[in-house]
Amino acid sequence: MKNEAHEIVRRAVQAIYEADPTPPSHWKARRGIKLAAPLAFLLFAGCSNYSMPPTTPAPTDIGAVATAVSAIDVPIKDYYTYGTALAVKNCVGWFSTQIAGASQNSALVSELGLIGAAAGAAGGPIAAAATGFGAATIGNMQANSAVGIEPVVTYGLVRKVQQAWLAAATTPTTKAEAYLLLEDFAEKCQLPDIKKAVADAVASAPVRAIPAASTFSPSTPPSRMVLPPVIVIGGQP
């Protein structure tokens, strides 16, 4: 991943140089270094280390979990209730961070756009290109983040999944059952289940088209113009 990042930077620098092959002055070079630092941070922050999926739990791990759960001196019903409530609280806290980060990214992209426009107007193609590259990088990182461009919408879907799960779950009768249910419920707010919920919602959303005339009130005279049908996805026109 780092090699790919270096290649992206190399191509960006080459494109900037081809756009303005004039050797940069000392002031432009210093400004370029200052711009390169935060851009490099953003670029490498988006690089992740990929690893193999987890293996089958070892007997010692299973024994440790069993011992820890058995040692909990809380009624099974309370253990289950407190556990699901805490899982919801943790989910809300995580999404709050994602929503705040998305807002900051949006503001930063706007600011970089203004800086790039000002730099271009002042005759600084290198600075303008660098800020544009930074804005594009931030936008790409947000679009490919765990919750996408609109984390509020993703949270709404996850919350619906949690509510449906709680309504259908069977009350546990043993601590082992309570632990199993809590683990499964907590996974609804973890990346694999979040991505799957979004993909399933998009794939299964009903799509229909209705005549444009049917969207007007009966008291409104029908239009003589030929209007295209209205596409309705998931019940929202």
Protein backbone atom coordinates (compact mmCIF):
# COMPACT_ATOMS: atom_id res chain seq x y z
CA MET A 1 0.00 0.00 0.00
CA LYS A 2 2.84 2.37 0.82
CA ASN A 3 4.44 1.68 -2.56
CA GLU A 4 1.15 2.64 -4.21
CA ALA A 5 1.06 5.81 -2.13
CA HIS A 6 4.57 6.74 -3.24
CA GLU A 7 3.53 6.16 -6.85
CA ILE A 8 0.49 8.42 -6.42
CA VAL A 9 2.66 11.20 -4.96
CA ARG A 10 5.24 10.77 -7.75
CA ARG A 11 2.57 11.08 -10.45
CA ALA A 12 1.00 14.08 -8.75
CA VAL A 13 4.36 15.86 -8.54
CA GLN A 14 5.12 14.99 -12.17
CA ALA A 15 1.75 16.37 -13.28
CA ILE A 16 2.31 19.57 -11.34
CA TYR A 17 5.81 19.97 -12.82
CA GLU A 18 4.54 19.42 -16.36
CA ALA A 19 1.86 22.05 -15.77
CA ASP A 20 4.49 24.54 -14.57
CA PRO A 21 8.03 23.43 -15.52
CA THR A 22 9.58 26.70 -14.28
CA PRO A 23 12.04 25.97 -11.42
CA PRO A 24 10.31 27.00 -8.17
CA SER A 25 11.64 29.92 -6.19
CA HIS A 26 12.79 29.58 -2.58
CA TRP A 27 9.41 30.89 -1.38
CA LYS A 28 7.46 28.46 -3.55
CA ALA A 29 9.64 25.56 -2.45
CA ARG A 30 9.09 26.33 1.23
CA ARG A 31 5.36 26.67 0.65
CA GLY A 32 5.32 23.38 -1.24
CA ILE A 33 7.05 21.63 1.68
CA LYS A 34 4.48 23.02 4.11
CA LEU A 35 1.66 21.76 1.90
CA ALA A 36 3.33 18.39 1.41
CA ALA A 37 3.41 17.60 5.14
CA PRO A 38 -0.35 17.50 5.78
CA LEU A 39 -1.00 15.88 2.40
CA ALA A 40 1.48 13.11 3.20
CA PHE A 41 -0.21 12.57 6.55
CA LEU A 42 -3.63 12.30 4.91
CA LEU A 43 -2.31 9.92 2.29
CA PHE A 44 -0.61 7.52 4.67
CA ALA A 45 -3.45 7.73 7.21
CA GLY A 46 -5.69 6.12 4.61
CA CYS A 47 -3.35 3.15 4.12
CA SER A 48 -4.37 0.06 6.07
CA ASN A 49 -2.59 -3.15 6.92
CA TYR A 50 -4.54 -6.13 5.62
CA SER A 51 -4.36 -9.46 7.44
CA MET A 52 -5.84 -12.93 7.16
CA PRO A 53 -9.29 -13.73 8.67
CA PRO A 54 -9.31 -15.06 12.26
CA THR A 55 -8.83 -18.74 12.94
CA THR A 56 -10.95 -21.09 15.06
CA PRO A 57 -10.87 -20.05 18.75
CA ALA A 58 -8.42 -22.09 20.80
CA PRO A 59 -9.72 -24.19 23.73
CA THR A 60 -7.82 -21.95 26.14
CA ASP A 61 -9.60 -18.89 24.75
CA ILE A 62 -12.97 -20.62 25.05
CA GLY A 63 -12.18 -21.64 28.61
CA ALA A 64 -11.15 -18.12 29.53
CA VAL A 65 -14.42 -16.68 28.18
CA ALA A 66 -16.47 -19.36 29.94
CA THR A 67 -14.73 -18.67 33.23
CA ALA A 68 -15.21 -14.92 32.91
CA VAL A 69 -18.91 -15.20 32.03
CA SER A 70 -19.62 -17.75 34.79
CA ALA A 71 -17.95 -15.52 37.36
CA ILE A 72 -20.34 -12.60 36.66
CA ASP A 73 -22.57 -12.22 39.72
CA VAL A 74 -25.54 -10.67 37.88
CA PRO A 75 -28.94 -12.21 37.11
CA ILE A 76 -29.13 -13.51 33.55
CA LYS A 77 -31.94 -11.13 32.59
CA ASP A 78 -30.07 -8.10 33.93
CA TYR A 79 -26.84 -9.26 32.30
CA TYR A 80 -28.62 -9.41 28.95
CA THR A 81 -30.42 -6.07 29.43
CA TYR A 82 -27.32 -4.18 30.58
CA GLY A 83 -25.24 -5.77 27.83
CA THR A 84 -27.54 -4.78 24.98
CA ALA A 85 -27.93 -1.26 26.40
CA LEU A 86 -24.15 -0.89 26.62
CA ALA A 87 -23.74 -2.17 23.06
CA VAL A 88 -26.20 0.47 21.84
CA LYS A 89 -24.36 3.16 23.81
CA ASN A 90 -21.01 2.14 22.31
CA CYS A 91 -22.54 2.15 18.82
CA VAL A 92 -23.96 5.65 19.28
CA GLY A 93 -20.59 6.89 20.56
CA TRP A 94 -18.73 5.43 17.59
CA PHE A 95 -21.16 6.90 15.06
CA SER A 96 -20.98 10.28 16.82
CA THR A 97 -17.24 10.28 16.15
CA GLN A 98 -17.80 9.32 12.51
CA ILE A 99 -20.40 12.06 12.02
CA ALA A 100 -18.13 14.68 13.60
CA GLY A 101 -15.21 13.54 11.44
CA ALA A 102 -17.31 13.71 8.27
CA SER A 103 -18.35 17.28 9.14
CA GLN A 104 -14.73 18.29 9.69
CA ASN A 105 -13.67 16.68 6.42
CA SER A 106 -16.41 18.55 4.56
CA ALA A 107 -15.29 21.86 6.06
CA LEU A 108 -11.64 21.10 5.26
CA VAL A 109 -12.44 20.24 1.64
CA SER A 110 -14.29 23.56 1.28
CA GLU A 111 -11.38 25.43 2.82
CA LEU A 112 -8.87 23.73 0.55
CA GLY A 113 -11.04 24.62 -2.43
CA LEU A 114 -10.98 28.30 -1.46
CA ILE A 115 -7.23 28.19 -0.88
CA GLY A 116 -6.68 26.51 -4.24
CA ALA A 117 -8.79 29.11 -6.02
CA ALA A 118 -6.89 31.92 -4.33
CA ALA A 119 -3.55 30.34 -5.13
CA GLY A 120 -4.49 29.87 -8.76
CA ALA A 121 -5.66 33.47 -9.05
CA ALA A 122 -2.37 34.64 -7.55
CA GLY A 123 -0.41 32.71 -10.16
CA GLY A 124 0.57 29.76 -8.01
CA PRO A 125 -0.20 26.63 -10.05
CA ILE A 126 1.84 24.38 -7.76
CA ALA A 127 -0.04 25.45 -4.63
CA ALA A 128 -3.36 25.28 -6.43
CA ALA A 129 -2.67 21.77 -7.69
CA ALA A 130 -1.50 20.64 -4.26
CA THR A 131 -4.62 21.90 -2.50
CA GLY A 132 -6.80 20.32 -5.18
CA PHE A 133 -4.98 17.03 -4.69
CA GLY A 134 -5.53 17.32 -0.93
CA ALA A 135 -9.25 18.00 -1.31
CA ALA A 136 -9.64 15.04 -3.65
CA THR A 137 -7.75 12.80 -1.20
CA ILE A 138 -9.98 13.80 1.71
CA GLY A 139 -13.11 13.26 -0.36
CA ASN A 140 -11.91 9.84 -1.47
CA MET A 141 -11.10 8.83 2.11
CA GLN A 142 -14.57 9.86 3.31
CA ALA A 143 -16.33 8.10 0.43
CA ASN A 144 -14.47 4.88 1.25
CA SER A 145 -14.79 5.16 5.03
CA ALA A 146 -16.67 2.64 7.12
CA VAL A 147 -19.88 4.69 7.13
CA GLY A 148 -19.64 6.31 3.70
CA ILE A 149 -20.30 9.93 2.82
CA GLU A 150 -23.50 10.21 4.91
CA PRO A 151 -22.84 8.56 8.31
CA VAL A 152 -26.19 9.82 9.67
CA VAL A 153 -28.04 7.77 7.05
CA THR A 154 -25.91 4.71 7.79
CA TYR A 155 -26.57 5.07 11.52
CA GLY A 156 -30.32 5.22 10.86
CA LEU A 157 -30.10 1.90 9.05
CA VAL A 158 -27.99 0.30 11.80
CA ARG A 159 -30.44 1.52 14.44
CA LYS A 160 -33.32 -0.10 12.55
CA VAL A 161 -31.36 -3.35 12.40
CA GLN A 162 -30.74 -3.21 16.16
CA GLN A 163 -34.41 -2.53 16.92
CA ALA A 164 -35.54 -5.39 14.69
CA TRP A 165 -33.01 -7.72 16.33
CA LEU A 166 -34.15 -6.81 19.85
CA ALA A 167 -37.81 -7.32 18.92
CA ALA A 168 -37.15 -10.81 17.54
CA ALA A 169 -34.54 -12.08 20.03
CA THR A 170 -35.47 -14.81 22.52
CA THR A 171 -34.83 -14.12 26.20
CA PRO A 172 -31.77 -16.13 27.32
CA THR A 173 -32.06 -18.67 30.12
CA THR A 174 -28.34 -19.24 30.79
CA LYS A 175 -25.29 -17.01 30.96
CA ALA A 176 -23.84 -18.80 27.94
CA GLU A 177 -26.93 -17.98 25.89
CA ALA A 178 -26.85 -14.37 27.09
CA TYR A 179 -23.19 -14.08 26.08
CA LEU A 180 -23.92 -15.55 22.64
CA LEU A 181 -26.80 -13.15 22.05
CA LEU A 182 -24.84 -10.12 23.22
CA GLU A 183 -21.93 -10.96 20.93
CA ASP A 184 -24.27 -11.30 17.96
CA PHE A 185 -26.09 -8.06 18.82
CA ALA A 186 -22.83 -6.11 19.18
CA GLU A 187 -21.75 -7.32 15.73
CA LYS A 188 -24.66 -5.39 14.18
CA CYS A 189 -22.62 -2.23 14.79
CA GLN A 190 -19.33 -3.64 13.52
CA LEU A 191 -17.90 -3.14 10.04
CA PRO A 192 -18.85 -6.45 8.37
CA ASP A 193 -22.48 -6.20 9.43
CA ILE A 194 -22.67 -2.46 8.70
CA LYS A 195 -21.38 -2.97 5.16
CA LYS A 196 -23.70 -5.94 4.64
CA ALA A 197 -26.72 -3.99 5.92
CA VAL A 198 -26.01 -1.13 3.52
CA ALA A 199 -25.50 -3.50 0.59
CA ASP A 200 -28.68 -5.45 1.39
CA ALA A 201 -30.70 -2.24 1.78
CA VAL A 202 -29.54 -0.95 -1.61
CA ALA A 203 -30.08 -4.30 -3.35
CA SER A 204 -33.55 -4.90 -1.87
CA ALA A 205 -34.93 -1.35 -2.02
CA PRO A 206 -38.17 -1.38 -4.05
CA VAL A 207 -38.04 0.75 -7.19
CA ARG A 208 -41.15 1.82 -9.07
CA ALA A 209 -42.22 4.52 -11.47
CA ILE A 210 -45.49 6.45 -11.19
CA PRO A 211 -47.03 8.86 -13.69
CA ALA A 212 -46.14 12.45 -12.94
CA ALA A 213 -49.81 13.48 -13.07
CA SER A 214 -50.62 11.26 -10.07
CA THR A 215 -48.35 13.32 -7.84
CA PHE A 216 -50.58 16.41 -8.12
CA SER A 217 -53.54 17.20 -5.90
CA PRO A 218 -57.05 16.54 -7.33
CA SER A 219 -57.74 20.27 -7.01
CA THR A 220 -54.79 21.08 -9.24
CA PRO A 221 -55.63 21.25 -12.95
CA PRO A 222 -53.70 18.65 -14.96
CA SER A 223 -50.72 19.89 -16.92
CA ARG A 224 -50.85 19.80 -20.71
CA MET A 225 -47.14 19.11 -20.87
CA VAL A 226 -45.80 15.60 -21.28
CA LEU A 227 -43.91 14.89 -18.06
CA PRO A 228 -41.59 11.96 -17.34
CA PRO A 229 -42.64 9.47 -14.67
CA VAL A 230 -41.44 9.89 -11.12
CA ILE A 231 -39.03 7.23 -9.82
CA VAL A 232 -39.75 6.13 -6.25
CA ILE A 233 -37.07 4.19 -4.34
CA GLY A 234 -37.95 2.67 -1.01
CA GLY A 235 -41.15 4.66 -0.68
CA GLN A 236 -39.40 8.05 -0.95
CA PRO A 237 -39.96 9.98 -4.23
